[in-house]
Amino acid sequence: MMMNKIMMDCEKAHTVCDKSQYKEATVWEKIKLKFHLIFCKICKKYTANNTKLTKLIKSNSVFTPLPKDAKEKIKSNFKKELAKLND
């Protein structure tokens, strides 16, 4: 009976993995995920890749924010194009 409460399917494991990356997973979800990862190599690989991707994005070596003026130009162009569609 306890095994049913601990086991989760791979889809749920992926969801909990994603939630965990954003500090949104509960302690119980994390425990269940750890248990699932012991037995599932596919989800273990998914979790490892997800962790690498998060670290890479946070490292600023891949992601550099746009300067404020570039953002404003994009917003302005978007509004102009949207106005054309509404006319």
C-alpha atoms as a PDB file:
ATOM      1  CA  MET A   1       0.000   0.000   0.000  1.00  0.00           C
ATOM      2  CA  MET A   2       2.844   2.412   0.815  1.00  0.00           C
ATOM      3  CA  MET A   3       4.422   1.804  -2.612  1.00  0.00           C
ATOM      4  CA  ASN A   4       1.335   3.234  -4.363  1.00  0.00           C
ATOM      5  CA  LYS A   5       1.727   6.467  -2.415  1.00  0.00           C
ATOM      6  CA  ILE A   6       5.415   6.769  -3.287  1.00  0.00           C
ATOM      7  CA  MET A   7       5.385   5.730  -6.949  1.00  0.00           C
ATOM      8  CA  MET A   8       4.682   8.244  -9.703  1.00  0.00           C
ATOM      9  CA  ASP A   9       4.571   7.891 -13.465  1.00  0.00           C
ATOM     10  CA  CYS A  10       7.144   9.493 -15.748  1.00  0.00           C
ATOM     11  CA  GLU A  11       4.863  12.344 -16.828  1.00  0.00           C
ATOM     12  CA  LYS A  12       4.306  13.357 -13.205  1.00  0.00           C
ATOM     13  CA  ALA A  13       8.054  12.973 -12.539  1.00  0.00           C
ATOM     14  CA  HIS A  14       8.841  15.417 -15.360  1.00  0.00           C
ATOM     15  CA  THR A  15       6.314  17.894 -13.973  1.00  0.00           C
ATOM     16  CA  VAL A  16       7.767  17.644 -10.466  1.00  0.00           C
ATOM     17  CA  CYS A  17      11.282  17.989 -11.890  1.00  0.00           C
ATOM     18  CA  ASP A  18      10.255  21.224 -13.606  1.00  0.00           C
ATOM     19  CA  LYS A  19       8.506  22.502 -10.476  1.00  0.00           C
ATOM     20  CA  SER A  20      11.575  21.657  -8.430  1.00  0.00           C
ATOM     21  CA  GLN A  21      13.785  23.740 -10.725  1.00  0.00           C
ATOM     22  CA  TYR A  22      11.623  26.766  -9.888  1.00  0.00           C
ATOM     23  CA  LYS A  23      11.393  25.965  -6.156  1.00  0.00           C
ATOM     24  CA  GLU A  24       7.672  25.170  -6.500  1.00  0.00           C
ATOM     25  CA  ALA A  25       7.696  21.447  -5.614  1.00  0.00           C
ATOM     26  CA  THR A  26       6.604  20.306  -2.185  1.00  0.00           C
ATOM     27  CA  VAL A  27       8.881  18.244   0.044  1.00  0.00           C
ATOM     28  CA  TRP A  28       6.697  15.182  -0.535  1.00  0.00           C
ATOM     29  CA  GLU A  29       6.867  15.639  -4.324  1.00  0.00           C
ATOM     30  CA  LYS A  30      10.664  15.875  -4.132  1.00  0.00           C
ATOM     31  CA  ILE A  31      10.846  12.678  -2.076  1.00  0.00           C
ATOM     32  CA  LYS A  32       8.637  10.842  -4.556  1.00  0.00           C
ATOM     33  CA  LEU A  33      10.746  12.179  -7.436  1.00  0.00           C
ATOM     34  CA  LYS A  34      13.990  10.995  -5.822  1.00  0.00           C
ATOM     35  CA  PHE A  35      12.465   7.552  -5.351  1.00  0.00           C
ATOM     36  CA  HIS A  36      11.286   7.476  -8.983  1.00  0.00           C
ATOM     37  CA  LEU A  37      14.752   8.485 -10.222  1.00  0.00           C
ATOM     38  CA  ILE A  38      16.301   5.478  -8.496  1.00  0.00           C
ATOM     39  CA  PHE A  39      14.400   3.203 -10.866  1.00  0.00           C
ATOM     40  CA  CYS A  40      13.892   5.265 -14.032  1.00  0.00           C
ATOM     41  CA  LYS A  41      16.959   6.035 -16.143  1.00  0.00           C
ATOM     42  CA  ILE A  42      14.978   8.114 -18.632  1.00  0.00           C
ATOM     43  CA  CYS A  43      13.665  10.495 -15.982  1.00  0.00           C
ATOM     44  CA  LYS A  44      17.076  10.586 -14.336  1.00  0.00           C
ATOM     45  CA  LYS A  45      18.558  11.771 -17.637  1.00  0.00           C
ATOM     46  CA  TYR A  46      15.708  14.296 -18.082  1.00  0.00           C
ATOM     47  CA  THR A  47      16.388  15.691 -14.612  1.00  0.00           C
ATOM     48  CA  ALA A  48      20.134  15.910 -15.264  1.00  0.00           C
ATOM     49  CA  ASN A  49      19.580  17.729 -18.576  1.00  0.00           C
ATOM     50  CA  ASN A  50      17.019  20.053 -16.994  1.00  0.00           C
ATOM     51  CA  THR A  51      19.477  20.927 -14.218  1.00  0.00           C
ATOM     52  CA  LYS A  52      22.275  21.588 -16.732  1.00  0.00           C
ATOM     53  CA  LEU A  53      20.010  23.827 -18.807  1.00  0.00           C
ATOM     54  CA  THR A  54      18.936  25.839 -15.760  1.00  0.00           C
ATOM     55  CA  LYS A  55      22.543  26.321 -14.646  1.00  0.00           C
ATOM     56  CA  LEU A  56      23.591  27.327 -18.153  1.00  0.00           C
ATOM     57  CA  ILE A  57      20.852  29.927 -18.446  1.00  0.00           C
ATOM     58  CA  LYS A  58      21.614  31.344 -14.999  1.00  0.00           C
ATOM     59  CA  SER A  59      25.337  31.561 -15.792  1.00  0.00           C
ATOM     60  CA  ASN A  60      24.792  34.424 -18.296  1.00  0.00           C
ATOM     61  CA  SER A  61      27.101  32.695 -20.756  1.00  0.00           C
ATOM     62  CA  VAL A  62      24.127  31.891 -22.988  1.00  0.00           C
ATOM     63  CA  PHE A  63      21.557  34.494 -22.051  1.00  0.00           C
ATOM     64  CA  THR A  64      22.315  38.178 -22.190  1.00  0.00           C
ATOM     65  CA  PRO A  65      19.420  40.566 -21.684  1.00  0.00           C
ATOM     66  CA  LEU A  66      18.562  43.073 -24.378  1.00  0.00           C
ATOM     67  CA  PRO A  67      19.432  46.677 -23.676  1.00  0.00           C
ATOM     68  CA  LYS A  68      16.462  48.807 -22.646  1.00  0.00           C
ATOM     69  CA  ASP A  69      16.456  50.812 -25.885  1.00  0.00           C
ATOM     70  CA  ALA A  70      16.335  47.626 -27.966  1.00  0.00           C
ATOM     71  CA  LYS A  71      13.373  46.372 -25.905  1.00  0.00           C
ATOM     72  CA  GLU A  72      11.564  49.668 -26.397  1.00  0.00           C
ATOM     73  CA  LYS A  73      12.166  49.543 -30.155  1.00  0.00           C
ATOM     74  CA  ILE A  74      10.743  46.009 -30.328  1.00  0.00           C
ATOM     75  CA  LYS A  75       7.696  47.085 -28.293  1.00  0.00           C
ATOM     76  CA  SER A  76       7.167  50.092 -30.530  1.00  0.00           C
ATOM     77  CA  ASN A  77       7.408  48.029 -33.715  1.00  0.00           C
ATOM     78  CA  PHE A  78       5.070  45.426 -32.258  1.00  0.00           C
ATOM     79  CA  LYS A  79       2.484  48.078 -31.384  1.00  0.00           C
ATOM     80  CA  LYS A  80       2.725  49.570 -34.900  1.00  0.00           C
ATOM     81  CA  GLU A  81       2.189  46.165 -36.525  1.00  0.00           C
ATOM     82  CA  LEU A  82      -0.662  45.373 -34.161  1.00  0.00           C
ATOM     83  CA  ALA A  83      -2.315  48.714 -34.980  1.00  0.00           C
ATOM     84  CA  LYS A  84      -2.096  47.867 -38.701  1.00  0.00           C
ATOM     85  CA  LEU A  85      -3.959  44.622 -38.057  1.00  0.00           C
ATOM     86  CA  ASN A  86      -6.693  46.393 -36.107  1.00  0.00           C
ATOM     87  CA  ASP A  87      -7.299  49.038 -38.797  1.00  0.00           C
END
